[in-house]
């Protein structure tokens, strides 16, 4: 089932962060984990899903992604800490 979502991947606790948007979170996170495509997450080893937020529409998800990307690193860390203070890989919770 397609469900728009915004997500943050990391390589470790307080490590490199990548913010993305997708219509299929499970598939997209799997692609990051398997390093299917060249790019930022492959280069920096961002394979941990540390935060996500579902959206009602792709337009809403894209708008939220832009808000998050425009924010500071501290704000991104705050989102992660509020949802996932242990920085667990949330992939298993969405499969």
PDB file of N, CA and C in Angstrom:
ATOM      1  N   UNK A   1       0.841  -1.178   0.000  1.00  0.00           N
ATOM      2  CA  UNK A   1       0.000   0.000   0.000  1.00  0.00           C
ATOM      3  C   UNK A   1       0.892   1.250   0.000  1.00  0.00           C
ATOM      4  N   UNK A   2       0.560   2.193  -0.821  1.00  0.00           N
ATOM      5  CA  UNK A   2       1.313   3.444  -0.895  1.00  0.00           C
ATOM      6  C   UNK A   2       0.859   4.363   0.226  1.00  0.00           C
ATOM      7  N   UNK A   3       1.816   4.937   0.930  1.00  0.00           N
ATOM      8  CA  UNK A   3       1.542   5.866   2.018  1.00  0.00           C
ATOM      9  C   UNK A   3       2.650   6.903   2.033  1.00  0.00           C
ATOM     10  N   UNK A   4       2.352   8.153   1.668  1.00  0.00           N
ATOM     11  CA  UNK A   4       3.383   9.189   1.687  1.00  0.00           C
ATOM     12  C   UNK A   4       4.005   9.331   3.079  1.00  0.00           C
ATOM     13  N   UNK A   5       5.313   9.538   3.091  1.00  0.00           N
ATOM     14  CA  UNK A   5       6.026   9.669   4.359  1.00  0.00           C
ATOM     15  C   UNK A   5       7.289  10.507   4.180  1.00  0.00           C
ATOM     16  N   UNK A   6       7.672  11.154   5.256  1.00  0.00           N
ATOM     17  CA  UNK A   6       8.952  11.845   5.358  1.00  0.00           C
ATOM     18  C   UNK A   6       9.773  11.025   6.344  1.00  0.00           C
ATOM     19  N   UNK A   7      11.067  10.936   6.123  1.00  0.00           N
ATOM     20  CA  UNK A   7      11.880  10.091   6.993  1.00  0.00           C
ATOM     21  C   UNK A   7      13.282  10.652   7.143  1.00  0.00           C
ATOM     22  N   UNK A   8      13.948  10.214   8.204  1.00  0.00           N
ATOM     23  CA  UNK A   8      15.348  10.561   8.420  1.00  0.00           C
ATOM     24  C   UNK A   8      16.134   9.270   8.616  1.00  0.00           C
ATOM     25  N   UNK A   9      17.217   9.158   7.836  1.00  0.00           N
ATOM     26  CA  UNK A   9      18.152   8.043   7.949  1.00  0.00           C
ATOM     27  C   UNK A   9      19.429   8.568   8.589  1.00  0.00           C
ATOM     28  N   UNK A  10      20.147   7.683   9.280  1.00  0.00           N
ATOM     29  CA  UNK A  10      21.422   8.067   9.880  1.00  0.00           C
ATOM     30  C   UNK A  10      22.391   6.895   9.786  1.00  0.00           C
ATOM     31  N   UNK A  11      23.673   7.200   9.986  1.00  0.00           N
ATOM     32  CA  UNK A  11      24.678   6.133   9.996  1.00  0.00           C
ATOM     33  C   UNK A  11      24.982   5.660  11.415  1.00  0.00           C
ATOM     34  N   UNK A  12      24.657   6.488  12.411  1.00  0.00           N
ATOM     35  CA  UNK A  12      24.853   6.132  13.824  1.00  0.00           C
ATOM     36  C   UNK A  12      24.197   7.216  14.679  1.00  0.00           C
ATOM     37  N   UNK A  13      24.131   6.984  15.968  1.00  0.00           N
ATOM     38  CA  UNK A  13      23.564   7.974  16.881  1.00  0.00           C
ATOM     39  C   UNK A  13      24.338   9.290  16.747  1.00  0.00           C
ATOM     40  N   UNK A  14      23.607  10.375  16.561  1.00  0.00           N
ATOM     41  CA  UNK A  14      24.187  11.713  16.388  1.00  0.00           C
ATOM     42  C   UNK A  14      25.140  11.798  15.201  1.00  0.00           C
ATOM     43  N   UNK A  15      24.966  10.906  14.242  1.00  0.00           N
ATOM     44  CA  UNK A  15      25.836  10.885  13.069  1.00  0.00           C
ATOM     45  C   UNK A  15      25.280  11.703  11.918  1.00  0.00           C
ATOM     46  N   UNK A  16      25.654  11.305  10.719  1.00  0.00           N
ATOM     47  CA  UNK A  16      25.200  11.962   9.499  1.00  0.00           C
ATOM     48  C   UNK A  16      23.709  11.708   9.317  1.00  0.00           C
ATOM     49  N   UNK A  17      22.975  12.749   8.930  1.00  0.00           N
ATOM     50  CA  UNK A  17      21.527  12.649   8.749  1.00  0.00           C
ATOM     51  C   UNK A  17      21.149  12.875   7.291  1.00  0.00           C
ATOM     52  N   UNK A  18      20.164  12.106   6.840  1.00  0.00           N
ATOM     53  CA  UNK A  18      19.594  12.281   5.504  1.00  0.00           C
ATOM     54  C   UNK A  18      18.081  12.353   5.657  1.00  0.00           C
ATOM     55  N   UNK A  19      17.472  13.384   5.111  1.00  0.00           N
ATOM     56  CA  UNK A  19      16.024  13.546   5.144  1.00  0.00           C
ATOM     57  C   UNK A  19      15.471  13.286   3.750  1.00  0.00           C
ATOM     58  N   UNK A  20      14.445  12.457   3.667  1.00  0.00           N
ATOM     59  CA  UNK A  20      13.859  12.134   2.381  1.00  0.00           C
ATOM     60  C   UNK A  20      12.348  12.036   2.446  1.00  0.00           C
ATOM     61  N   UNK A  21      11.747  11.869   1.282  1.00  0.00           N
ATOM     62  CA  UNK A  21      10.296  11.712   1.157  1.00  0.00           C
ATOM     63  C   UNK A  21      10.036  10.557   0.202  1.00  0.00           C
ATOM     64  N   UNK A  22       8.958   9.825   0.427  1.00  0.00           N
ATOM     65  CA  UNK A  22       8.647   8.662  -0.396  1.00  0.00           C
ATOM     66  C   UNK A  22       7.159   8.353  -0.327  1.00  0.00           C
ATOM     67  N   UNK A  23       6.702   7.567  -1.289  1.00  0.00           N
ATOM     68  CA  UNK A  23       5.323   7.074  -1.244  1.00  0.00           C
ATOM     69  C   UNK A  23       5.288   5.629  -0.742  1.00  0.00           C
ATOM     70  N   UNK A  24       6.459   5.019  -0.547  1.00  0.00           N
ATOM     71  CA  UNK A  24       6.552   3.632  -0.084  1.00  0.00           C
ATOM     72  C   UNK A  24       7.748   3.515   0.862  1.00  0.00           C
ATOM     73  N   UNK A  25       7.511   3.770   2.137  1.00  0.00           N
ATOM     74  CA  UNK A  25       8.589   3.849   3.120  1.00  0.00           C
ATOM     75  C   UNK A  25       9.356   2.538   3.256  1.00  0.00           C
ATOM     76  N   UNK A  26       8.656   1.419   3.314  1.00  0.00           N
ATOM     77  CA  UNK A  26       9.334   0.130   3.478  1.00  0.00           C
ATOM     78  C   UNK A  26      10.302  -0.113   2.321  1.00  0.00           C
ATOM     79  N   UNK A  27       9.817   0.078   1.102  1.00  0.00           N
ATOM     80  CA  UNK A  27      10.661  -0.150  -0.077  1.00  0.00           C
ATOM     81  C   UNK A  27      11.841   0.816  -0.101  1.00  0.00           C
ATOM     82  N   UNK A  28      11.587   2.080   0.204  1.00  0.00           N
ATOM     83  CA  UNK A  28      12.653   3.088   0.119  1.00  0.00           C
ATOM     84  C   UNK A  28      13.736   2.830   1.163  1.00  0.00           C
ATOM     85  N   UNK A  29      13.347   2.504   2.382  1.00  0.00           N
ATOM     86  CA  UNK A  29      14.343   2.221   3.421  1.00  0.00           C
ATOM     87  C   UNK A  29      15.145   0.978   3.043  1.00  0.00           C
ATOM     88  N   UNK A  30      14.476  -0.044   2.501  1.00  0.00           N
ATOM     89  CA  UNK A  30      15.191  -1.238   2.041  1.00  0.00           C
ATOM     90  C   UNK A  30      16.243  -0.848   1.003  1.00  0.00           C
ATOM     91  N   UNK A  31      15.876   0.050   0.070  1.00  0.00           N
ATOM     92  CA  UNK A  31      16.830   0.493  -0.947  1.00  0.00           C
ATOM     93  C   UNK A  31      18.043   1.176  -0.315  1.00  0.00           C
ATOM     94  N   UNK A  32      17.806   2.002   0.708  1.00  0.00           N
ATOM     95  CA  UNK A  32      18.929   2.640   1.411  1.00  0.00           C
ATOM     96  C   UNK A  32      19.799   1.582   2.087  1.00  0.00           C
ATOM     97  N   UNK A  33      19.176   0.638   2.766  1.00  0.00           N
ATOM     98  CA  UNK A  33      19.915  -0.390   3.494  1.00  0.00           C
ATOM     99  C   UNK A  33      20.748  -1.270   2.557  1.00  0.00           C
ATOM    100  N   UNK A  34      20.194  -1.580   1.417  1.00  0.00           N
ATOM    101  CA  UNK A  34      20.871  -2.452   0.456  1.00  0.00           C
ATOM    102  C   UNK A  34      21.815  -1.692  -0.466  1.00  0.00           C
ATOM    103  N   UNK A  35      21.860  -0.359  -0.298  1.00  0.00           N
ATOM    104  CA  UNK A  35      22.737   0.500  -1.110  1.00  0.00           C
ATOM    105  C   UNK A  35      22.503   0.278  -2.602  1.00  0.00           C
ATOM    106  N   UNK A  36      21.225   0.204  -2.980  1.00  0.00           N
ATOM    107  CA  UNK A  36      20.818  -0.061  -4.355  1.00  0.00           C
ATOM    108  C   UNK A  36      21.222   1.075  -5.285  1.00  0.00           C
ATOM    109  N   UNK A  37      21.104   2.310  -4.830  1.00  0.00           N
ATOM    110  CA  UNK A  37      21.402   3.461  -5.685  1.00  0.00           C
ATOM    111  C   UNK A  37      22.593   4.238  -5.139  1.00  0.00           C
ATOM    112  N   UNK A  38      23.390   4.741  -6.051  1.00  0.00           N
ATOM    113  CA  UNK A  38      24.478   5.626  -5.646  1.00  0.00           C
ATOM    114  C   UNK A  38      23.878   6.918  -5.111  1.00  0.00           C
ATOM    115  N   UNK A  39      24.573   7.545  -4.208  1.00  0.00           N
ATOM    116  CA  UNK A  39      24.090   8.817  -3.679  1.00  0.00           C
ATOM    117  C   UNK A  39      24.558   9.041  -2.254  1.00  0.00           C
ATOM    118  N   UNK A  40      23.948  10.009  -1.625  1.00  0.00           N
ATOM    119  CA  UNK A  40      24.349  10.464  -0.299  1.00  0.00           C
ATOM    120  C   UNK A  40      24.319   9.336   0.736  1.00  0.00           C
ATOM    121  N   UNK A  41      23.191   8.608   0.808  1.00  0.00           N
ATOM    122  CA  UNK A  41      23.084   7.596   1.864  1.00  0.00           C
ATOM    123  C   UNK A  41      24.074   6.458   1.670  1.00  0.00           C
ATOM    124  N   UNK A  42      24.360   6.113   0.429  1.00  0.00           N
ATOM    125  CA  UNK A  42      25.364   5.074   0.166  1.00  0.00           C
ATOM    126  C   UNK A  42      26.751   5.584   0.536  1.00  0.00           C
ATOM    127  N   UNK A  43      27.057   6.804   0.132  1.00  0.00           N
ATOM    128  CA  UNK A  43      28.381   7.389   0.396  1.00  0.00           C
ATOM    129  C   UNK A  43      28.659   7.506   1.888  1.00  0.00           C
ATOM    130  N   UNK A  44      27.642   7.898   2.666  1.00  0.00           N
ATOM    131  CA  UNK A  44      27.844   8.134   4.094  1.00  0.00           C
ATOM    132  C   UNK A  44      27.344   6.993   4.978  1.00  0.00           C
ATOM    133  N   UNK A  45      26.874   5.922   4.391  1.00  0.00           N
ATOM    134  CA  UNK A  45      26.465   4.756   5.167  1.00  0.00           C
ATOM    135  C   UNK A  45      25.220   4.967   6.006  1.00  0.00           C
ATOM    136  N   UNK A  46      24.316   5.793   5.541  1.00  0.00           N
ATOM    137  CA  UNK A  46      23.071   6.065   6.285  1.00  0.00           C
ATOM    138  C   UNK A  46      22.083   4.929   6.034  1.00  0.00           C
ATOM    139  N   UNK A  47      22.073   3.962   6.918  1.00  0.00           N
ATOM    140  CA  UNK A  47      21.217   2.794   6.729  1.00  0.00           C
ATOM    141  C   UNK A  47      20.255   2.558   7.896  1.00  0.00           C
ATOM    142  N   UNK A  48      20.226   3.471   8.853  1.00  0.00           N
ATOM    143  CA  UNK A  48      19.322   3.342  10.003  1.00  0.00           C
ATOM    144  C   UNK A  48      18.150   4.296   9.850  1.00  0.00           C
ATOM    145  N   UNK A  49      16.925   3.766   9.863  1.00  0.00           N
ATOM    146  CA  UNK A  49      15.740   4.611   9.873  1.00  0.00           C
ATOM    147  C   UNK A  49      15.538   5.067  11.314  1.00  0.00           C
ATOM    148  N   UNK A  50      15.768   6.344  11.585  1.00  0.00           N
ATOM    149  CA  UNK A  50      15.706   6.826  12.969  1.00  0.00           C
ATOM    150  C   UNK A  50      14.481   7.691  13.249  1.00  0.00           C
ATOM    151  N   UNK A  51      13.776   8.124  12.195  1.00  0.00           N
ATOM    152  CA  UNK A  51      12.568   8.938  12.376  1.00  0.00           C
ATOM    153  C   UNK A  51      11.746   8.875  11.103  1.00  0.00           C
ATOM    154  N   UNK A  52      10.423   8.904  11.260  1.00  0.00           N
ATOM    155  CA  UNK A  52       9.540   9.025  10.100  1.00  0.00           C
ATOM    156  C   UNK A  52       8.215   9.626  10.539  1.00  0.00           C
ATOM    157  N   UNK A  53       7.515  10.158   9.554  1.00  0.00           N
ATOM    158  CA  UNK A  53       6.205  10.757   9.789  1.00  0.00           C
ATOM    159  C   UNK A  53       5.356  10.481   8.555  1.00  0.00           C
ATOM    160  N   UNK A  54       4.185   9.902   8.742  1.00  0.00           N
ATOM    161  CA  UNK A  54       3.284   9.628   7.638  1.00  0.00           C
ATOM    162  C   UNK A  54       2.506  10.889   7.301  1.00  0.00           C
ATOM    163  N   UNK A  55       2.119  11.014   6.037  1.00  0.00           N
ATOM    164  CA  UNK A  55       1.380  12.195   5.579  1.00  0.00           C
ATOM    165  C   UNK A  55       0.123  11.763   4.840  1.00  0.00           C
ATOM    166  N   UNK A  56      -0.834  12.662   4.754  1.00  0.00           N
ATOM    167  CA  UNK A  56      -2.093  12.376   4.066  1.00  0.00           C
ATOM    168  C   UNK A  56      -1.960  12.405   2.551  1.00  0.00           C
ATOM    169  N   UNK A  57      -0.985  13.152   2.056  1.00  0.00           N
ATOM    170  CA  UNK A  57      -0.790  13.258   0.611  1.00  0.00           C
ATOM    171  C   UNK A  57       0.686  13.461   0.314  1.00  0.00           C
ATOM    172  N   UNK A  58       1.050  13.229  -0.928  1.00  0.00           N
ATOM    173  CA  UNK A  58       2.438  13.443  -1.337  1.00  0.00           C
ATOM    174  C   UNK A  58       2.783  14.922  -1.239  1.00  0.00           C
ATOM    175  N   UNK A  59       1.850  15.798  -1.582  1.00  0.00           N
ATOM    176  CA  UNK A  59       2.096  17.239  -1.473  1.00  0.00           C
ATOM    177  C   UNK A  59       2.412  17.627  -0.035  1.00  0.00           C
ATOM    178  N   UNK A  60       1.658  17.073   0.909  1.00  0.00           N
ATOM    179  CA  UNK A  60       1.894  17.367   2.325  1.00  0.00           C
ATOM    180  C   UNK A  60       3.251  16.820   2.769  1.00  0.00           C
ATOM    181  N   UNK A  61       3.605  15.638   2.290  1.00  0.00           N
ATOM    182  CA  UNK A  61       4.894  15.034   2.651  1.00  0.00           C
ATOM    183  C   UNK A  61       6.054  15.867   2.111  1.00  0.00           C
ATOM    184  N   UNK A  62       5.926  16.329   0.877  1.00  0.00           N
ATOM    185  CA  UNK A  62       6.983  17.148   0.267  1.00  0.00           C
ATOM    186  C   UNK A  62       7.124  18.471   1.007  1.00  0.00           C
ATOM    187  N   UNK A  63       6.014  19.075   1.371  1.00  0.00           N
ATOM    188  CA  UNK A  63       6.053  20.327   2.136  1.00  0.00           C
ATOM    189  C   UNK A  63       6.746  20.108   3.477  1.00  0.00           C
ATOM    190  N   UNK A  64       6.405  19.022   4.152  1.00  0.00           N
ATOM    191  CA  UNK A  64       7.031  18.722   5.452  1.00  0.00           C
ATOM    192  C   UNK A  64       8.529  18.446   5.286  1.00  0.00           C
ATOM    193  N   UNK A  65       8.906  17.739   4.218  1.00  0.00           N
ATOM    194  CA  UNK A  65      10.316  17.482   3.970  1.00  0.00           C
ATOM    195  C   UNK A  65      11.076  18.798   3.804  1.00  0.00           C
ATOM    196  N   UNK A  66      10.499  19.721   3.063  1.00  0.00           N
ATOM    197  CA  UNK A  66      11.142  21.019   2.851  1.00  0.00           C
ATOM    198  C   UNK A  66      11.294  21.776   4.160  1.00  0.00           C
ATOM    199  N   UNK A  67      10.270  21.704   5.031  1.00  0.00           N
ATOM    200  CA  UNK A  67      10.351  22.359   6.342  1.00  0.00           C
ATOM    201  C   UNK A  67      11.483  21.776   7.167  1.00  0.00           C
ATOM    202  N   UNK A  68      11.586  20.460   7.167  1.00  0.00           N
ATOM    203  CA  UNK A  68      12.619  19.792   7.965  1.00  0.00           C
ATOM    204  C   UNK A  68      14.004  20.106   7.413  1.00  0.00           C
ATOM    205  N   UNK A  69      14.168  20.031   6.102  1.00  0.00           N
ATOM    206  CA  UNK A  69      15.469  20.315   5.490  1.00  0.00           C
ATOM    207  C   UNK A  69      15.899  21.759   5.712  1.00  0.00           C
ATOM    208  N   UNK A  70      14.929  22.672   5.792  1.00  0.00           N
ATOM    209  CA  UNK A  70      15.249  24.080   6.015  1.00  0.00           C
ATOM    210  C   UNK A  70      15.609  24.362   7.471  1.00  0.00           C
ATOM    211  N   UNK A  71      15.259  23.442   8.361  1.00  0.00           N
ATOM    212  CA  UNK A  71      15.536  23.623   9.780  1.00  0.00           C
ATOM    213  C   UNK A  71      16.974  23.277  10.126  1.00  0.00           C
ATOM    214  N   UNK A  72      17.328  23.586  11.326  1.00  0.00           N
ATOM    215  CA  UNK A  72      18.689  23.334  11.803  1.00  0.00           C
ATOM    216  C   UNK A  72      18.891  21.852  12.135  1.00  0.00           C
ATOM    217  N   UNK A  73      20.140  21.481  12.262  1.00  0.00           N
ATOM    218  CA  UNK A  73      20.474  20.128  12.695  1.00  0.00           C
ATOM    219  C   UNK A  73      19.874  19.861  14.081  1.00  0.00           C
ATOM    220  N   UNK A  74      19.914  20.869  14.938  1.00  0.00           N
ATOM    221  CA  UNK A  74      19.358  20.720  16.286  1.00  0.00           C
ATOM    222  C   UNK A  74      17.874  20.370  16.240  1.00  0.00           C
ATOM    223  N   UNK A  75      17.141  20.974  15.315  1.00  0.00           N
ATOM    224  CA  UNK A  75      15.712  20.666  15.188  1.00  0.00           C
ATOM    225  C   UNK A  75      15.509  19.239  14.699  1.00  0.00           C
ATOM    226  N   UNK A  76      16.343  18.787  13.780  1.00  0.00           N
ATOM    227  CA  UNK A  76      16.252  17.403  13.301  1.00  0.00           C
ATOM    228  C   UNK A  76      16.553  16.430  14.446  1.00  0.00           C
ATOM    229  N   UNK A  77      17.592  16.734  15.210  1.00  0.00           N
ATOM    230  CA  UNK A  77      17.924  15.884  16.357  1.00  0.00           C
ATOM    231  C   UNK A  77      16.778  15.864  17.353  1.00  0.00           C
ATOM    232  N   UNK A  78      16.111  17.001  17.545  1.00  0.00           N
ATOM    233  CA  UNK A  78      14.959  17.067  18.438  1.00  0.00           C
ATOM    234  C   UNK A  78      13.819  16.174  17.970  1.00  0.00           C
ATOM    235  N   UNK A  79      13.549  16.147  16.671  1.00  0.00           N
ATOM    236  CA  UNK A  79      12.514  15.253  16.127  1.00  0.00           C
ATOM    237  C   UNK A  79      12.863  13.796  16.429  1.00  0.00           C
ATOM    238  N   UNK A  80      14.115  13.442  16.168  1.00  0.00           N
ATOM    239  CA  UNK A  80      14.550  12.061  16.394  1.00  0.00           C
ATOM    240  C   UNK A  80      14.455  11.706  17.873  1.00  0.00           C
ATOM    241  N   UNK A  81      14.994  12.551  18.726  1.00  0.00           N
ATOM    242  CA  UNK A  81      15.006  12.273  20.170  1.00  0.00           C
ATOM    243  C   UNK A  81      13.590  12.148  20.742  1.00  0.00           C
ATOM    244  N   UNK A  82      12.637  12.943  20.216  1.00  0.00           N
ATOM    245  CA  UNK A  82      11.265  12.887  20.719  1.00  0.00           C
ATOM    246  C   UNK A  82      10.589  11.562  20.354  1.00  0.00           C
ATOM    247  N   UNK A  83      10.872  11.060  19.158  1.00  0.00           N
ATOM    248  CA  UNK A  83      10.227   9.832  18.699  1.00  0.00           C
ATOM    249  C   UNK A  83      11.028   8.587  19.050  1.00  0.00           C
ATOM    250  N   UNK A  84      12.339   8.717  19.044  1.00  0.00           N
ATOM    251  CA  UNK A  84      13.225   7.552  19.113  1.00  0.00           C
ATOM    252  C   UNK A  84      14.476   7.891  19.936  1.00  0.00           C
ATOM    253  N   UNK A  85      14.315   8.117  21.246  1.00  0.00           N
ATOM    254  CA  UNK A  85      15.442   8.563  22.067  1.00  0.00           C
ATOM    255  C   UNK A  85      16.631   7.602  22.104  1.00  0.00           C
ATOM    256  N   UNK A  86      16.399   6.343  21.813  1.00  0.00           N
ATOM    257  CA  UNK A  86      17.484   5.360  21.814  1.00  0.00           C
ATOM    258  C   UNK A  86      18.154   5.245  20.439  1.00  0.00           C
ATOM    259  N   UNK A  87      17.633   5.959  19.453  1.00  0.00           N
ATOM    260  CA  UNK A  87      18.145   5.909  18.084  1.00  0.00           C
ATOM    261  C   UNK A  87      18.114   4.478  17.528  1.00  0.00           C
ATOM    262  N   UNK A  88      17.055   3.745  17.862  1.00  0.00           N
ATOM    263  CA  UNK A  88      16.895   2.398  17.318  1.00  0.00           C
ATOM    264  C   UNK A  88      16.597   2.483  15.823  1.00  0.00           C
ATOM    265  N   UNK A  89      16.929   1.424  15.102  1.00  0.00           N
ATOM    266  CA  UNK A  89      16.558   1.327  13.696  1.00  0.00           C
ATOM    267  C   UNK A  89      15.077   0.955  13.658  1.00  0.00           C
ATOM    268  N   UNK A  90      14.248   1.839  13.138  1.00  0.00           N
ATOM    269  CA  UNK A  90      12.794   1.656  13.137  1.00  0.00           C
ATOM    270  C   UNK A  90      12.298   0.810  11.969  1.00  0.00           C
ATOM    271  N   UNK A  91      13.192   0.330  11.141  1.00  0.00           N
ATOM    272  CA  UNK A  91      12.791  -0.428   9.961  1.00  0.00           C
ATOM    273  C   UNK A  91      11.903  -1.626  10.310  1.00  0.00           C
ATOM    274  N   UNK A  92      12.269  -2.360  11.333  1.00  0.00           N
ATOM    275  CA  UNK A  92      11.494  -3.551  11.711  1.00  0.00           C
ATOM    276  C   UNK A  92      10.089  -3.182  12.173  1.00  0.00           C
ATOM    277  N   UNK A  93       9.887  -1.971  12.648  1.00  0.00           N
ATOM    278  CA  UNK A  93       8.559  -1.570  13.127  1.00  0.00           C
ATOM    279  C   UNK A  93       7.619  -1.195  11.989  1.00  0.00           C
ATOM    280  N   UNK A  94       8.148  -0.967  10.782  1.00  0.00           N
ATOM    281  CA  UNK A  94       7.311  -0.558   9.667  1.00  0.00           C
ATOM    282  C   UNK A  94       7.098  -1.676   8.654  1.00  0.00           C
ATOM    283  N   UNK A  95       7.842  -2.763   8.755  1.00  0.00           N
ATOM    284  CA  UNK A  95       7.754  -3.855   7.781  1.00  0.00           C
ATOM    285  C   UNK A  95       6.476  -4.623   7.914  1.00  0.00           C
TER     286      UNK A  95
END
